[in-house]
PDB file of N, CA and C in Angstrom:
ATOM      1  N   MET A   1       0.777  -0.919  -0.104  1.00  0.00           N
ATOM      2  CA  MET A   1       0.284   0.096   0.039  1.00  0.00           C
ATOM      3  C   MET A   1       0.898   1.153  -0.014  1.00  0.00           C
ATOM      4  N   THR A   2       0.308   2.137  -0.684  1.00  0.00           N
ATOM      5  CA  THR A   2       1.366   3.411  -0.815  1.00  0.00           C
ATOM      6  C   THR A   2       0.145   4.849  -0.125  1.00  0.00           C
ATOM      7  N   ALA A   3       1.256   5.770   0.015  1.00  0.00           N
ATOM      8  CA  ALA A   3       0.561   6.953   0.597  1.00  0.00           C
ATOM      9  C   ALA A   3       0.347   7.951  -0.631  1.00  0.00           C
ATOM     10  N   SER A   4       0.313   7.343  -1.891  1.00  0.00           N
ATOM     11  CA  SER A   4       0.191   8.416  -2.804  1.00  0.00           C
ATOM     12  C   SER A   4      -1.657   8.754  -2.627  1.00  0.00           C
ATOM     13  N   GLY A   5      -1.711   9.927  -2.639  1.00  0.00           N
ATOM     14  CA  GLY A   5      -3.337  10.490  -2.667  1.00  0.00           C
ATOM     15  C   GLY A   5      -3.640  10.825  -1.544  1.00  0.00           C
ATOM     16  N   LEU A   6      -2.922  10.716  -0.337  1.00  0.00           N
ATOM     17  CA  LEU A   6      -3.259  10.815   0.748  1.00  0.00           C
ATOM     18  C   LEU A   6      -2.671  12.475   1.187  1.00  0.00           C
ATOM     19  N   ALA A   7      -4.103  13.006   1.855  1.00  0.00           N
ATOM     20  CA  ALA A   7      -3.701  14.879   2.314  1.00  0.00           C
ATOM     21  C   ALA A   7      -2.420  14.529   3.487  1.00  0.00           C
ATOM     22  N   ALA A   8      -1.456  15.594   3.448  1.00  0.00           N
ATOM     23  CA  ALA A   8      -0.538  15.746   3.879  1.00  0.00           C
ATOM     24  C   ALA A   8      -0.743  15.680   5.157  1.00  0.00           C
ATOM     25  N   ASP A   9      -1.606  16.468   5.948  1.00  0.00           N
ATOM     26  CA  ASP A   9      -2.134  16.099   7.266  1.00  0.00           C
ATOM     27  C   ASP A   9      -2.375  14.820   7.754  1.00  0.00           C
ATOM     28  N   LEU A  10      -3.087  14.262   7.261  1.00  0.00           N
ATOM     29  CA  LEU A  10      -3.408  13.027   7.224  1.00  0.00           C
ATOM     30  C   LEU A  10      -2.287  11.858   7.716  1.00  0.00           C
ATOM     31  N   LEU A  11      -1.479  11.783   6.557  1.00  0.00           N
ATOM     32  CA  LEU A  11      -0.268  11.283   6.560  1.00  0.00           C
ATOM     33  C   LEU A  11       0.708  11.645   7.787  1.00  0.00           C
ATOM     34  N   ALA A  12       0.550  12.761   8.160  1.00  0.00           N
ATOM     35  CA  ALA A  12       1.620  13.314   9.085  1.00  0.00           C
ATOM     36  C   ALA A  12       1.073  13.002  10.604  1.00  0.00           C
ATOM     37  N   LEU A  13      -0.445  12.792  10.781  1.00  0.00           N
ATOM     38  CA  LEU A  13      -0.857  12.304  11.586  1.00  0.00           C
ATOM     39  C   LEU A  13      -0.647  10.457  11.676  1.00  0.00           C
ATOM     40  N   TYR A  14      -0.764   9.978  11.017  1.00  0.00           N
ATOM     41  CA  TYR A  14      -0.037   8.376  10.624  1.00  0.00           C
ATOM     42  C   TYR A  14       1.010   8.164  11.210  1.00  0.00           C
ATOM     43  N   ASP A  15       2.051   9.158  10.388  1.00  0.00           N
ATOM     44  CA  ASP A  15       3.615   8.798  10.858  1.00  0.00           C
ATOM     45  C   ASP A  15       3.508   9.002  12.395  1.00  0.00           C
ATOM     46  N   LYS A  16       2.665  10.227  13.082  1.00  0.00           N
ATOM     47  CA  LYS A  16       3.329  10.526  14.473  1.00  0.00           C
ATOM     48  C   LYS A  16       2.530   9.009  15.043  1.00  0.00           C
ATOM     49  N   LEU A  17       1.403   8.853  14.886  1.00  0.00           N
ATOM     50  CA  LEU A  17       0.625   7.719  15.507  1.00  0.00           C
ATOM     51  C   LEU A  17       1.708   6.208  15.520  1.00  0.00           C
ATOM     52  N   ARG A  18       2.052   6.155  14.561  1.00  0.00           N
ATOM     53  CA  ARG A  18       2.954   4.955  14.126  1.00  0.00           C
ATOM     54  C   ARG A  18       4.036   5.170  14.794  1.00  0.00           C
ATOM     55  N   ASP A  19       4.810   6.206  14.690  1.00  0.00           N
ATOM     56  CA  ASP A  19       6.040   6.059  15.737  1.00  0.00           C
ATOM     57  C   ASP A  19       5.680   6.113  17.262  1.00  0.00           C
ATOM     58  N   SER A  20       4.889   6.849  17.715  1.00  0.00           N
ATOM     59  CA  SER A  20       4.178   6.675  19.290  1.00  0.00           C
ATOM     60  C   SER A  20       3.538   5.314  19.397  1.00  0.00           C
ATOM     61  N   LYS A  21       3.149   4.440  18.506  1.00  0.00           N
ATOM     62  CA  LYS A  21       2.242   3.085  19.243  1.00  0.00           C
ATOM     63  C   LYS A  21       2.781   1.830  18.197  1.00  0.00           C
ATOM     64  N   GLY A  22       4.171   1.991  18.791  1.00  0.00           N
ATOM     65  CA  GLY A  22       4.827   0.617  18.551  1.00  0.00           C
ATOM     66  C   GLY A  22       5.011   0.403  16.783  1.00  0.00           C
ATOM     67  N   GLY A  23       4.681   1.226  15.732  1.00  0.00           N
ATOM     68  CA  GLY A  23       4.568   0.908  14.370  1.00  0.00           C
ATOM     69  C   GLY A  23       3.363   0.734  13.625  1.00  0.00           C
ATOM     70  N   VAL A  24       2.104   0.895  14.852  1.00  0.00           N
ATOM     71  CA  VAL A  24       1.109   0.889  14.104  1.00  0.00           C
ATOM     72  C   VAL A  24       0.153   1.965  14.568  1.00  0.00           C
ATOM     73  N   GLY A  25      -0.219   2.999  13.489  1.00  0.00           N
ATOM     74  CA  GLY A  25      -0.867   4.145  13.458  1.00  0.00           C
ATOM     75  C   GLY A  25      -2.023   3.880  12.688  1.00  0.00           C
ATOM     76  N   ALA A  26      -2.656   2.834  12.261  1.00  0.00           N
ATOM     77  CA  ALA A  26      -3.806   2.755  11.982  1.00  0.00           C
ATOM     78  C   ALA A  26      -4.289   1.306  12.295  1.00  0.00           C
ATOM     79  N   ALA A  27      -5.734   1.060  12.776  1.00  0.00           N
ATOM     80  CA  ALA A  27      -6.190  -0.135  12.719  1.00  0.00           C
ATOM     81  C   ALA A  27      -7.416  -0.197  12.649  1.00  0.00           C
ATOM     82  N   ALA A  28      -7.784  -1.667  11.911  1.00  0.00           N
ATOM     83  CA  ALA A  28      -8.992  -2.014  11.296  1.00  0.00           C
ATOM     84  C   ALA A  28     -10.234  -1.790  12.335  1.00  0.00           C
ATOM     85  N   LEU A  29     -11.195  -1.714  11.827  1.00  0.00           N
ATOM     86  CA  LEU A  29     -12.353  -1.514  12.794  1.00  0.00           C
ATOM     87  C   LEU A  29     -13.177  -2.670  12.509  1.00  0.00           C
ATOM     88  N   ARG A  30     -12.934  -3.769  13.114  1.00  0.00           N
ATOM     89  CA  ARG A  30     -14.196  -5.357  12.857  1.00  0.00           C
ATOM     90  C   ARG A  30     -14.408  -5.996  13.900  1.00  0.00           C
ATOM     91  N   GLN A  31     -15.911  -6.225  13.637  1.00  0.00           N
ATOM     92  CA  GLN A  31     -16.573  -6.809  14.426  1.00  0.00           C
ATOM     93  C   GLN A  31     -16.806  -6.036  15.959  1.00  0.00           C
ATOM     94  N   ARG A  32     -16.775  -4.535  15.295  1.00  0.00           N
ATOM     95  CA  ARG A  32     -16.874  -3.716  16.585  1.00  0.00           C
ATOM     96  C   ARG A  32     -16.055  -3.626  17.670  1.00  0.00           C
ATOM     97  N   ARG A  33     -14.620  -3.663  17.220  1.00  0.00           N
ATOM     98  CA  ARG A  33     -13.633  -3.877  17.791  1.00  0.00           C
ATOM     99  C   ARG A  33     -12.271  -2.895  16.989  1.00  0.00           C
ATOM    100  N   CYS A  34     -11.543  -1.889  17.868  1.00  0.00           N
ATOM    101  CA  CYS A  34     -10.420  -1.699  17.229  1.00  0.00           C
ATOM    102  C   CYS A  34      -9.409  -2.542  17.116  1.00  0.00           C
ATOM    103  N   GLY A  35      -8.955  -2.814  15.843  1.00  0.00           N
ATOM    104  CA  GLY A  35      -7.874  -4.003  15.757  1.00  0.00           C
ATOM    105  C   GLY A  35      -6.385  -3.544  16.558  1.00  0.00           C
ATOM    106  N   GLY A  36      -6.359  -2.585  16.814  1.00  0.00           N
ATOM    107  CA  GLY A  36      -4.861  -2.106  17.528  1.00  0.00           C
ATOM    108  C   GLY A  36      -5.107  -2.371  18.996  1.00  0.00           C
ATOM    109  N   CYS A  37      -5.972  -1.772  19.684  1.00  0.00           N
ATOM    110  CA  CYS A  37      -6.047  -2.255  21.341  1.00  0.00           C
ATOM    111  C   CYS A  37      -6.962  -3.179  21.872  1.00  0.00           C
ATOM    112  N   GLY A  38      -8.016  -3.438  20.665  1.00  0.00           N
ATOM    113  CA  GLY A  38      -9.066  -4.304  20.818  1.00  0.00           C
ATOM    114  C   GLY A  38     -10.461  -4.019  21.737  1.00  0.00           C
ATOM    115  N   LEU A  39     -10.514  -2.403  22.263  1.00  0.00           N
ATOM    116  CA  LEU A  39     -11.360  -2.292  22.565  1.00  0.00           C
ATOM    117  C   LEU A  39     -12.890  -2.304  21.790  1.00  0.00           C
ATOM    118  N   GLU A  40     -13.919  -2.808  22.668  1.00  0.00           N
ATOM    119  CA  GLU A  40     -15.080  -2.822  21.568  1.00  0.00           C
ATOM    120  C   GLU A  40     -15.936  -1.575  22.070  1.00  0.00           C
ATOM    121  N   LEU A  41     -16.343  -1.151  20.785  1.00  0.00           N
ATOM    122  CA  LEU A  41     -17.334   0.251  20.807  1.00  0.00           C
ATOM    123  C   LEU A  41     -18.335   0.206  20.821  1.00  0.00           C
ATOM    124  N   SER A  42     -19.194   1.272  21.784  1.00  0.00           N
ATOM    125  CA  SER A  42     -20.695   0.675  22.335  1.00  0.00           C
ATOM    126  C   SER A  42     -21.230   1.464  21.300  1.00  0.00           C
ATOM    127  N   PRO A  43     -22.636   0.880  21.030  1.00  0.00           N
ATOM    128  CA  PRO A  43     -23.688   1.123  20.299  1.00  0.00           C
ATOM    129  C   PRO A  43     -23.508   2.662  19.930  1.00  0.00           C
ATOM    130  N   ALA A  44     -23.758   3.566  20.988  1.00  0.00           N
ATOM    131  CA  ALA A  44     -23.553   4.897  20.717  1.00  0.00           C
ATOM    132  C   ALA A  44     -22.559   5.348  20.031  1.00  0.00           C
ATOM    133  N   ASP A  45     -20.895   4.596  20.173  1.00  0.00           N
ATOM    134  CA  ASP A  45     -19.906   5.173  19.392  1.00  0.00           C
ATOM    135  C   ASP A  45     -20.183   4.678  18.181  1.00  0.00           C
ATOM    136  N   LEU A  46     -20.373   3.539  17.636  1.00  0.00           N
ATOM    137  CA  LEU A  46     -21.031   2.968  16.151  1.00  0.00           C
ATOM    138  C   LEU A  46     -21.740   3.565  15.712  1.00  0.00           C
ATOM    139  N   SER A  47     -22.652   4.214  16.331  1.00  0.00           N
ATOM    140  CA  SER A  47     -23.927   5.514  15.825  1.00  0.00           C
ATOM    141  C   SER A  47     -23.145   6.398  15.025  1.00  0.00           C
ATOM    142  N   ALA A  48     -22.710   6.882  15.821  1.00  0.00           N
ATOM    143  CA  ALA A  48     -21.766   8.163  15.740  1.00  0.00           C
ATOM    144  C   ALA A  48     -21.174   8.053  14.374  1.00  0.00           C
ATOM    145  N   ILE A  49     -20.230   7.082  14.476  1.00  0.00           N
ATOM    146  CA  ILE A  49     -19.554   6.688  13.506  1.00  0.00           C
ATOM    147  C   ILE A  49     -20.026   6.635  12.037  1.00  0.00           C
ATOM    148  N   ARG A  50     -21.113   5.829  12.303  1.00  0.00           N
ATOM    149  CA  ARG A  50     -21.908   5.463  11.219  1.00  0.00           C
ATOM    150  C   ARG A  50     -22.433   6.803  10.342  1.00  0.00           C
ATOM    151  N   ALA A  51     -22.812   7.632  11.032  1.00  0.00           N
ATOM    152  CA  ALA A  51     -23.435   9.229  10.889  1.00  0.00           C
ATOM    153  C   ALA A  51     -22.135   9.753   9.979  1.00  0.00           C
ATOM    154  N   ARG A  52     -20.750   9.483  10.518  1.00  0.00           N
ATOM    155  CA  ARG A  52     -19.692  10.789   9.834  1.00  0.00           C
ATOM    156  C   ARG A  52     -19.533  10.589   8.578  1.00  0.00           C
ATOM    157  N   ALA A  53     -19.036  11.342   7.568  1.00  0.00           N
ATOM    158  CA  ALA A  53     -18.656  11.218   6.157  1.00  0.00           C
ATOM    159  C   ALA A  53     -17.794   9.963   6.339  1.00  0.00           C
ATOM    160  N   SER A  54     -17.471   9.241   4.870  1.00  0.00           N
ATOM    161  CA  SER A  54     -16.711   8.079   4.619  1.00  0.00           C
ATOM    162  C   SER A  54     -15.481   8.350   4.522  1.00  0.00           C
ATOM    163  N   ASP A  55     -15.055  10.021   4.572  1.00  0.00           N
ATOM    164  CA  ASP A  55     -13.921  10.406   4.084  1.00  0.00           C
ATOM    165  C   ASP A  55     -13.227  10.852   5.687  1.00  0.00           C
ATOM    166  N   ASP A  56     -14.013  11.096   6.365  1.00  0.00           N
ATOM    167  CA  ASP A  56     -13.525  11.341   7.735  1.00  0.00           C
ATOM    168  C   ASP A  56     -12.715  10.556   8.674  1.00  0.00           C
ATOM    169  N   VAL A  57     -11.755  11.284   9.252  1.00  0.00           N
ATOM    170  CA  VAL A  57     -10.959  10.345  10.481  1.00  0.00           C
ATOM    171  C   VAL A  57     -11.255   9.866  11.209  1.00  0.00           C
ATOM    172  N   VAL A  58     -11.600   8.749  11.381  1.00  0.00           N
ATOM    173  CA  VAL A  58     -12.101   8.554  13.154  1.00  0.00           C
ATOM    174  C   VAL A  58     -11.201   7.775  13.750  1.00  0.00           C
ATOM    175  N   ARG A  59     -10.984   8.221  14.983  1.00  0.00           N
ATOM    176  CA  ARG A  59     -10.183   7.541  15.881  1.00  0.00           C
ATOM    177  C   ARG A  59     -10.454   6.620  17.287  1.00  0.00           C
ATOM    178  N   CYS A  60      -9.460   5.802  17.684  1.00  0.00           N
ATOM    179  CA  CYS A  60     -10.110   5.192  18.544  1.00  0.00           C
ATOM    180  C   CYS A  60     -10.318   5.715  19.804  1.00  0.00           C
ATOM    181  N   GLU A  61     -10.554   6.144  20.650  1.00  0.00           N
ATOM    182  CA  GLU A  61     -11.167   6.624  22.056  1.00  0.00           C
ATOM    183  C   GLU A  61      -9.998   6.220  23.119  1.00  0.00           C
ATOM    184  N   GLU A  62      -9.664   4.898  22.978  1.00  0.00           N
ATOM    185  CA  GLU A  62      -9.082   4.311  23.846  1.00  0.00           C
ATOM    186  C   GLU A  62      -7.278   4.389  23.400  1.00  0.00           C
ATOM    187  N   CYS A  63      -7.224   3.763  22.031  1.00  0.00           N
ATOM    188  CA  CYS A  63      -5.713   4.364  21.805  1.00  0.00           C
ATOM    189  C   CYS A  63      -5.263   5.195  20.915  1.00  0.00           C
ATOM    190  N   SER A  64      -6.345   5.965  19.971  1.00  0.00           N
ATOM    191  CA  SER A  64      -5.678   7.092  19.393  1.00  0.00           C
ATOM    192  C   SER A  64      -5.421   6.751  18.071  1.00  0.00           C
ATOM    193  N   ARG A  65      -5.376   5.480  17.720  1.00  0.00           N
ATOM    194  CA  ARG A  65      -5.270   4.942  16.753  1.00  0.00           C
ATOM    195  C   ARG A  65      -6.047   5.368  15.408  1.00  0.00           C
ATOM    196  N   ILE A  66      -5.840   5.597  14.167  1.00  0.00           N
ATOM    197  CA  ILE A  66      -6.891   5.856  13.362  1.00  0.00           C
ATOM    198  C   ILE A  66      -7.396   4.745  12.782  1.00  0.00           C
ATOM    199  N   LEU A  67      -9.120   4.673  13.106  1.00  0.00           N
ATOM    200  CA  LEU A  67      -9.685   3.397  12.767  1.00  0.00           C
ATOM    201  C   LEU A  67      -9.751   3.490  11.364  1.00  0.00           C
ATOM    202  N   VAL A  68      -9.403   2.157  10.877  1.00  0.00           N
ATOM    203  CA  VAL A  68     -10.221   2.115   9.260  1.00  0.00           C
ATOM    204  C   VAL A  68     -11.191   1.031   9.071  1.00  0.00           C
ATOM    205  N   ARG A  69     -12.256   1.817   8.431  1.00  0.00           N
ATOM    206  CA  ARG A  69     -13.821   1.206   8.508  1.00  0.00           C
ATOM    207  C   ARG A  69     -13.639   0.001   7.246  1.00  0.00           C
ATOM    208  N   THR A  70     -14.132  -0.863   7.452  1.00  0.00           N
ATOM    209  CA  THR A  70     -14.285  -1.916   6.797  1.00  0.00           C
ATOM    210  C   THR A  70     -15.723  -2.412   6.810  1.00  0.00           C
ATOM    211  N   ALA A  71     -16.021  -3.785   5.705  1.00  0.00           N
ATOM    212  CA  ALA A  71     -17.575  -4.309   5.514  1.00  0.00           C
ATOM    213  C   ALA A  71     -17.676  -4.840   6.660  1.00  0.00           C
ATOM    214  N   GLU A  72     -16.398  -5.248   7.590  1.00  0.00           N
ATOM    215  CA  GLU A  72     -16.592  -6.068   8.847  1.00  0.00           C
ATOM    216  C   GLU A  72     -16.606  -5.114  10.069  1.00  0.00           C
ATOM    217  N   SER A  73     -17.061  -3.946   9.774  1.00  0.00           N
ATOM    218  CA  SER A  73     -16.894  -3.250  10.957  1.00  0.00           C
ATOM    219  C   SER A  73     -17.829  -3.501  12.064  1.00  0.00           C
ATOM    220  N   GLY A  74     -19.278  -3.661  11.511  1.00  0.00           N
ATOM    221  CA  GLY A  74     -20.377  -4.022  12.552  1.00  0.00           C
ATOM    222  C   GLY A  74     -21.053  -2.545  12.509  1.00  0.00           C
ATOM    223  N   LEU A  75     -21.116  -1.873  11.414  1.00  0.00           N
ATOM    224  CA  LEU A  75     -21.484  -0.415  11.423  1.00  0.00           C
ATOM    225  C   LEU A  75     -22.701  -1.021  10.415  1.00  0.00           C
TER     226      LEU A  75
END
C-alpha cells in the first residue's frame, strides 16, 4: 500500500501515531473492535461513526489510532 493520494496532514498524523504506537498508526475496525487495542465500541460510538462522512478520519478513543472502516466493522 502506498501513501500517494493521502492528504499531507493525514499522512503526518499517521506517521506520528505509528512512531508512538509501536509501528501501528492505523487499525481496522472489525466486529465493533479496534484492531489496535481491542476496545469494543459501544452502540452509541458505532452510531456516531456511522453518521460521519466516509472520508472523515475516525480515531479510537482508547489508543488514538486511526480506525479503518471495513465491511466487517459492524456499522
